[in-house]
Amino acid sequence: MNLDELKKSMSTLDDVLAQKSSTTVNLNTTTCDSAQKRVTKQYRKNIQMCAVLAVVFIVLWLSGTDNPTFPVAMKGFLGIYMAVAAMMYAVLYRMIKKIQITSEAPMMVMKQVSTLRLYTLTTEIVLAVVLAVFFTIFLGNLWTLGSYTFWLVSGALLVSVIIGAIMLPKKIKDFRELTATN
């Protein structure tokens, strides 16, 4: 690409960016409110679930009961992991509660929702990567102790991944409906 082509593309881009849209964006508040309630409820469930599991694993960790299949260190790791996950979901919960769909400008709501989407995606990816590392170590430990428990836990993991994949389109739909327009 030479300099003249670059100048022409930049002037075209400037022209496109200078155009103002005469149509205003109006959010469908009933759809957005119901989607916000569903996502808020999901975050609340995640906080409660992670908090309960964190307490259980921290108590098991502090009790010091050692089992060759599930060592104390893994209990401590899971307890801390679940506590951190509960805190991360609490931050996301506070973010979605701060979004005022009916009183704020539509562009501000869209900005807040896009930030929430980014943070949610980042949180889910980080939590999934840490769980993948944990289960890699845990399944390796199970394999050395016996193949029956290994396959039992692997089957349970497979079922949970399938359930998560089935629930994913509903979550995507809820996030899309957070910024539904008329």
C-alpha atoms as a PDB file:
ATOM      1  CA  MET A   1       0.000   0.000   0.000  1.00  0.00           C
ATOM      2  CA  ASN A   2       1.461   3.331  -0.988  1.00  0.00           C
ATOM      3  CA  LEU A   3       1.019   6.726   0.623  1.00  0.00           C
ATOM      4  CA  ASP A   4      -1.778   7.931  -1.702  1.00  0.00           C
ATOM      5  CA  GLU A   5      -3.903   4.844  -0.981  1.00  0.00           C
ATOM      6  CA  LEU A   6      -3.359   5.334   2.736  1.00  0.00           C
ATOM      7  CA  LYS A   7      -4.429   8.997   2.533  1.00  0.00           C
ATOM      8  CA  LYS A   8      -7.538   8.045   0.571  1.00  0.00           C
ATOM      9  CA  SER A   9      -8.486   5.343   3.103  1.00  0.00           C
ATOM     10  CA  MET A  10      -7.941   7.730   5.983  1.00  0.00           C
ATOM     11  CA  SER A  11     -10.134  10.406   4.415  1.00  0.00           C
ATOM     12  CA  THR A  12     -12.862   7.813   3.787  1.00  0.00           C
ATOM     13  CA  LEU A  13     -12.584   6.709   7.388  1.00  0.00           C
ATOM     14  CA  ASP A  14     -12.781  10.321   8.576  1.00  0.00           C
ATOM     15  CA  ASP A  15     -15.924  10.840   6.491  1.00  0.00           C
ATOM     16  CA  VAL A  16     -17.569   7.751   7.930  1.00  0.00           C
ATOM     17  CA  LEU A  17     -16.682   8.704  11.494  1.00  0.00           C
ATOM     18  CA  ALA A  18     -17.932  12.275  11.000  1.00  0.00           C
ATOM     19  CA  GLN A  19     -21.423  11.142  10.020  1.00  0.00           C
ATOM     20  CA  LYS A  20     -23.972  11.373  12.799  1.00  0.00           C
ATOM     21  CA  SER A  21     -26.817   8.948  13.143  1.00  0.00           C
ATOM     22  CA  SER A  22     -30.214  10.583  13.443  1.00  0.00           C
ATOM     23  CA  THR A  23     -31.832   7.553  15.038  1.00  0.00           C
ATOM     24  CA  THR A  24     -31.709   7.248  18.801  1.00  0.00           C
ATOM     25  CA  VAL A  25     -31.131   4.026  20.628  1.00  0.00           C
ATOM     26  CA  ASN A  26     -33.878   2.988  23.029  1.00  0.00           C
ATOM     27  CA  LEU A  27     -33.503  -0.034  25.254  1.00  0.00           C
ATOM     28  CA  ASN A  28     -36.374  -2.447  25.721  1.00  0.00           C
ATOM     29  CA  THR A  29     -36.525  -1.979  29.486  1.00  0.00           C
ATOM     30  CA  THR A  30     -38.766  -4.949  30.267  1.00  0.00           C
ATOM     31  CA  THR A  31     -36.498  -7.386  28.425  1.00  0.00           C
ATOM     32  CA  CYS A  32     -33.367  -5.793  29.884  1.00  0.00           C
ATOM     33  CA  ASP A  33     -34.756  -5.822  33.436  1.00  0.00           C
ATOM     34  CA  SER A  34     -35.762  -9.475  33.263  1.00  0.00           C
ATOM     35  CA  ALA A  35     -32.356 -10.417  31.824  1.00  0.00           C
ATOM     36  CA  GLN A  36     -30.649  -8.423  34.579  1.00  0.00           C
ATOM     37  CA  LYS A  37     -32.663 -10.286  37.214  1.00  0.00           C
ATOM     38  CA  ARG A  38     -31.755 -13.671  35.699  1.00  0.00           C
ATOM     39  CA  VAL A  39     -28.033 -12.850  35.546  1.00  0.00           C
ATOM     40  CA  THR A  40     -28.131 -11.423  39.069  1.00  0.00           C
ATOM     41  CA  LYS A  41     -29.817 -14.589  40.322  1.00  0.00           C
ATOM     42  CA  GLN A  42     -27.163 -16.724  38.616  1.00  0.00           C
ATOM     43  CA  TYR A  43     -24.341 -14.729  40.235  1.00  0.00           C
ATOM     44  CA  ARG A  44     -26.047 -15.015  43.630  1.00  0.00           C
ATOM     45  CA  LYS A  45     -26.294 -18.811  43.207  1.00  0.00           C
ATOM     46  CA  ASN A  46     -22.617 -18.996  42.223  1.00  0.00           C
ATOM     47  CA  ILE A  47     -21.600 -16.949  45.272  1.00  0.00           C
ATOM     48  CA  GLN A  48     -23.582 -19.172  47.615  1.00  0.00           C
ATOM     49  CA  MET A  49     -22.352 -22.403  46.045  1.00  0.00           C
ATOM     50  CA  CYS A  50     -18.697 -21.339  46.057  1.00  0.00           C
ATOM     51  CA  ALA A  51     -18.924 -20.003  49.627  1.00  0.00           C
ATOM     52  CA  VAL A  52     -20.406 -23.248  50.965  1.00  0.00           C
ATOM     53  CA  LEU A  53     -17.811 -25.345  49.144  1.00  0.00           C
ATOM     54  CA  ALA A  54     -15.042 -23.037  50.375  1.00  0.00           C
ATOM     55  CA  VAL A  55     -16.139 -23.531  53.975  1.00  0.00           C
ATOM     56  CA  VAL A  56     -16.352 -27.307  53.537  1.00  0.00           C
ATOM     57  CA  PHE A  57     -12.908 -27.645  51.965  1.00  0.00           C
ATOM     58  CA  ILE A  58     -11.267 -25.214  54.384  1.00  0.00           C
ATOM     59  CA  VAL A  59     -12.679 -27.166  57.333  1.00  0.00           C
ATOM     60  CA  LEU A  60     -11.401 -30.408  55.790  1.00  0.00           C
ATOM     61  CA  TRP A  61      -8.043 -28.783  55.180  1.00  0.00           C
ATOM     62  CA  LEU A  62      -7.731 -27.451  58.721  1.00  0.00           C
ATOM     63  CA  SER A  63      -8.853 -30.746  60.237  1.00  0.00           C
ATOM     64  CA  GLY A  64      -5.769 -32.336  58.721  1.00  0.00           C
ATOM     65  CA  THR A  65      -7.413 -35.600  57.723  1.00  0.00           C
ATOM     66  CA  ASP A  66      -5.169 -37.101  55.114  1.00  0.00           C
ATOM     67  CA  ASN A  67      -6.313 -39.519  52.472  1.00  0.00           C
ATOM     68  CA  PRO A  68      -4.020 -40.831  49.726  1.00  0.00           C
ATOM     69  CA  THR A  69      -6.722 -40.190  47.134  1.00  0.00           C
ATOM     70  CA  PHE A  70      -7.385 -36.623  48.237  1.00  0.00           C
ATOM     71  CA  PRO A  71      -4.402 -35.150  50.121  1.00  0.00           C
ATOM     72  CA  VAL A  72      -4.652 -32.252  52.565  1.00  0.00           C
ATOM     73  CA  ALA A  73      -2.873 -29.894  50.173  1.00  0.00           C
ATOM     74  CA  MET A  74      -5.565 -30.416  47.533  1.00  0.00           C
ATOM     75  CA  LYS A  75      -8.280 -29.717  50.110  1.00  0.00           C
ATOM     76  CA  GLY A  76      -6.553 -26.471  51.042  1.00  0.00           C
ATOM     77  CA  PHE A  77      -6.165 -25.510  47.408  1.00  0.00           C
ATOM     78  CA  LEU A  78      -9.835 -26.167  46.678  1.00  0.00           C
ATOM     79  CA  GLY A  79     -10.915 -24.228  49.767  1.00  0.00           C
ATOM     80  CA  ILE A  80      -8.887 -21.193  48.785  1.00  0.00           C
ATOM     81  CA  TYR A  81      -9.934 -21.530  45.136  1.00  0.00           C
ATOM     82  CA  MET A  82     -13.627 -21.612  46.065  1.00  0.00           C
ATOM     83  CA  ALA A  83     -13.229 -18.606  48.373  1.00  0.00           C
ATOM     84  CA  VAL A  84     -11.548 -16.625  45.592  1.00  0.00           C
ATOM     85  CA  ALA A  85     -14.243 -17.710  43.128  1.00  0.00           C
ATOM     86  CA  ALA A  86     -16.951 -16.542  45.553  1.00  0.00           C
ATOM     87  CA  MET A  87     -15.225 -13.161  45.828  1.00  0.00           C
ATOM     88  CA  MET A  88     -14.912 -12.855  42.059  1.00  0.00           C
ATOM     89  CA  TYR A  89     -18.600 -13.614  41.606  1.00  0.00           C
ATOM     90  CA  ALA A  90     -19.401 -11.105  44.371  1.00  0.00           C
ATOM     91  CA  VAL A  91     -17.579  -8.411  42.382  1.00  0.00           C
ATOM     92  CA  LEU A  92     -19.566  -9.342  39.267  1.00  0.00           C
ATOM     93  CA  TYR A  93     -22.770  -9.311  41.331  1.00  0.00           C
ATOM     94  CA  ARG A  94     -22.030  -5.790  42.549  1.00  0.00           C
ATOM     95  CA  MET A  95     -21.272  -4.680  38.998  1.00  0.00           C
ATOM     96  CA  ILE A  96     -24.598  -5.909  37.639  1.00  0.00           C
ATOM     97  CA  LYS A  97     -26.524  -4.430  40.567  1.00  0.00           C
ATOM     98  CA  LYS A  98     -25.023  -1.008  39.762  1.00  0.00           C
ATOM     99  CA  ILE A  99     -26.467  -1.028  36.241  1.00  0.00           C
ATOM    100  CA  GLN A 100     -29.588   1.157  36.213  1.00  0.00           C
ATOM    101  CA  ILE A 101     -31.253   0.302  32.920  1.00  0.00           C
ATOM    102  CA  THR A 102     -34.267   2.602  33.281  1.00  0.00           C
ATOM    103  CA  SER A 103     -32.503   5.724  34.558  1.00  0.00           C
ATOM    104  CA  GLU A 104     -29.187   5.812  32.701  1.00  0.00           C
ATOM    105  CA  ALA A 105     -28.463   6.694  29.095  1.00  0.00           C
ATOM    106  CA  PRO A 106     -28.551   3.685  26.746  1.00  0.00           C
ATOM    107  CA  MET A 107     -24.915   4.139  25.715  1.00  0.00           C
ATOM    108  CA  MET A 108     -23.821   4.191  29.354  1.00  0.00           C
ATOM    109  CA  VAL A 109     -25.791   0.981  30.001  1.00  0.00           C
ATOM    110  CA  MET A 110     -24.206  -0.630  26.940  1.00  0.00           C
ATOM    111  CA  LYS A 111     -20.751   0.385  28.170  1.00  0.00           C
ATOM    112  CA  GLN A 112     -21.424  -1.065  31.630  1.00  0.00           C
ATOM    113  CA  VAL A 113     -22.802  -4.289  30.152  1.00  0.00           C
ATOM    114  CA  SER A 114     -19.815  -4.693  27.834  1.00  0.00           C
ATOM    115  CA  THR A 115     -17.472  -4.216  30.796  1.00  0.00           C
ATOM    116  CA  LEU A 116     -19.484  -6.784  32.748  1.00  0.00           C
ATOM    117  CA  ARG A 117     -19.266  -9.209  29.817  1.00  0.00           C
ATOM    118  CA  LEU A 118     -15.500  -8.784  29.628  1.00  0.00           C
ATOM    119  CA  TYR A 119     -15.022  -9.313  33.366  1.00  0.00           C
ATOM    120  CA  THR A 120     -17.368 -12.308  33.368  1.00  0.00           C
ATOM    121  CA  LEU A 121     -15.545 -13.910  30.457  1.00  0.00           C
ATOM    122  CA  THR A 122     -12.175 -13.268  32.080  1.00  0.00           C
ATOM    123  CA  THR A 123     -13.377 -14.683  35.398  1.00  0.00           C
ATOM    124  CA  GLU A 124     -14.809 -17.809  33.794  1.00  0.00           C
ATOM    125  CA  ILE A 125     -11.640 -18.432  31.761  1.00  0.00           C
ATOM    126  CA  VAL A 126      -9.340 -17.986  34.772  1.00  0.00           C
ATOM    127  CA  LEU A 127     -11.491 -20.265  36.946  1.00  0.00           C
ATOM    128  CA  ALA A 128     -11.682 -22.895  34.189  1.00  0.00           C
ATOM    129  CA  VAL A 129      -7.918 -22.893  33.622  1.00  0.00           C
ATOM    130  CA  VAL A 130      -7.225 -23.299  37.340  1.00  0.00           C
ATOM    131  CA  LEU A 131      -9.765 -26.147  37.541  1.00  0.00           C
ATOM    132  CA  ALA A 132      -8.194 -27.813  34.513  1.00  0.00           C
ATOM    133  CA  VAL A 133      -4.790 -27.738  36.208  1.00  0.00           C
ATOM    134  CA  PHE A 134      -6.288 -29.045  39.467  1.00  0.00           C
ATOM    135  CA  PHE A 135      -8.121 -31.916  37.798  1.00  0.00           C
ATOM    136  CA  THR A 136      -5.032 -32.829  35.797  1.00  0.00           C
ATOM    137  CA  ILE A 137      -3.113 -33.310  39.035  1.00  0.00           C
ATOM    138  CA  PHE A 138      -6.075 -34.914  40.818  1.00  0.00           C
ATOM    139  CA  LEU A 139      -6.811 -37.411  38.019  1.00  0.00           C
ATOM    140  CA  GLY A 140      -3.126 -38.324  37.820  1.00  0.00           C
ATOM    141  CA  ASN A 141      -3.236 -39.058  41.530  1.00  0.00           C
ATOM    142  CA  LEU A 142      -6.400 -41.128  41.116  1.00  0.00           C
ATOM    143  CA  TRP A 143      -4.892 -43.129  38.253  1.00  0.00           C
ATOM    144  CA  THR A 144      -2.019 -44.285  40.433  1.00  0.00           C
ATOM    145  CA  LEU A 145      -4.461 -45.457  43.132  1.00  0.00           C
ATOM    146  CA  GLY A 146      -6.952 -47.251  40.920  1.00  0.00           C
ATOM    147  CA  SER A 147      -8.551 -47.050  37.533  1.00  0.00           C
ATOM    148  CA  TYR A 148     -12.164 -47.424  38.780  1.00  0.00           C
ATOM    149  CA  THR A 149     -12.164 -44.131  40.698  1.00  0.00           C
ATOM    150  CA  PHE A 150     -10.323 -42.437  37.858  1.00  0.00           C
ATOM    151  CA  TRP A 151     -13.013 -43.394  35.345  1.00  0.00           C
ATOM    152  CA  LEU A 152     -15.797 -42.539  37.790  1.00  0.00           C
ATOM    153  CA  VAL A 153     -14.453 -39.024  38.357  1.00  0.00           C
ATOM    154  CA  SER A 154     -13.696 -38.610  34.631  1.00  0.00           C
ATOM    155  CA  GLY A 155     -17.290 -39.547  33.790  1.00  0.00           C
ATOM    156  CA  ALA A 156     -18.614 -37.039  36.315  1.00  0.00           C
ATOM    157  CA  LEU A 157     -16.384 -34.349  34.798  1.00  0.00           C
ATOM    158  CA  LEU A 158     -17.630 -35.194  31.327  1.00  0.00           C
ATOM    159  CA  VAL A 159     -21.263 -34.931  32.471  1.00  0.00           C
ATOM    160  CA  SER A 160     -20.583 -31.549  34.097  1.00  0.00           C
ATOM    161  CA  VAL A 161     -18.903 -30.246  30.925  1.00  0.00           C
ATOM    162  CA  ILE A 162     -21.908 -31.385  28.848  1.00  0.00           C
ATOM    163  CA  ILE A 163     -24.325 -29.692  31.259  1.00  0.00           C
ATOM    164  CA  GLY A 164     -22.229 -26.514  31.091  1.00  0.00           C
ATOM    165  CA  ALA A 165     -22.261 -26.629  27.287  1.00  0.00           C
ATOM    166  CA  ILE A 166     -26.047 -27.020  27.316  1.00  0.00           C
ATOM    167  CA  MET A 167     -26.448 -24.038  29.673  1.00  0.00           C
ATOM    168  CA  LEU A 168     -24.034 -21.777  27.742  1.00  0.00           C
ATOM    169  CA  PRO A 169     -26.507 -20.614  25.044  1.00  0.00           C
ATOM    170  CA  LYS A 170     -28.968 -19.510  27.768  1.00  0.00           C
ATOM    171  CA  LYS A 171     -26.247 -17.454  29.457  1.00  0.00           C
ATOM    172  CA  ILE A 172     -25.271 -15.873  26.144  1.00  0.00           C
ATOM    173  CA  LYS A 173     -28.923 -15.032  25.472  1.00  0.00           C
ATOM    174  CA  ASP A 174     -29.270 -13.401  28.899  1.00  0.00           C
ATOM    175  CA  PHE A 175     -26.223 -11.208  28.289  1.00  0.00           C
ATOM    176  CA  ARG A 176     -27.518 -10.220  24.841  1.00  0.00           C
ATOM    177  CA  GLU A 177     -30.879  -9.295  26.326  1.00  0.00           C
ATOM    178  CA  LEU A 178     -29.192  -6.965  28.809  1.00  0.00           C
ATOM    179  CA  THR A 179     -28.879  -4.489  25.922  1.00  0.00           C
ATOM    180  CA  ALA A 180     -31.987  -5.375  23.905  1.00  0.00           C
ATOM    181  CA  THR A 181     -33.273  -2.469  21.861  1.00  0.00           C
ATOM    182  CA  ASN A 182     -36.744  -1.622  20.619  1.00  0.00           C
END
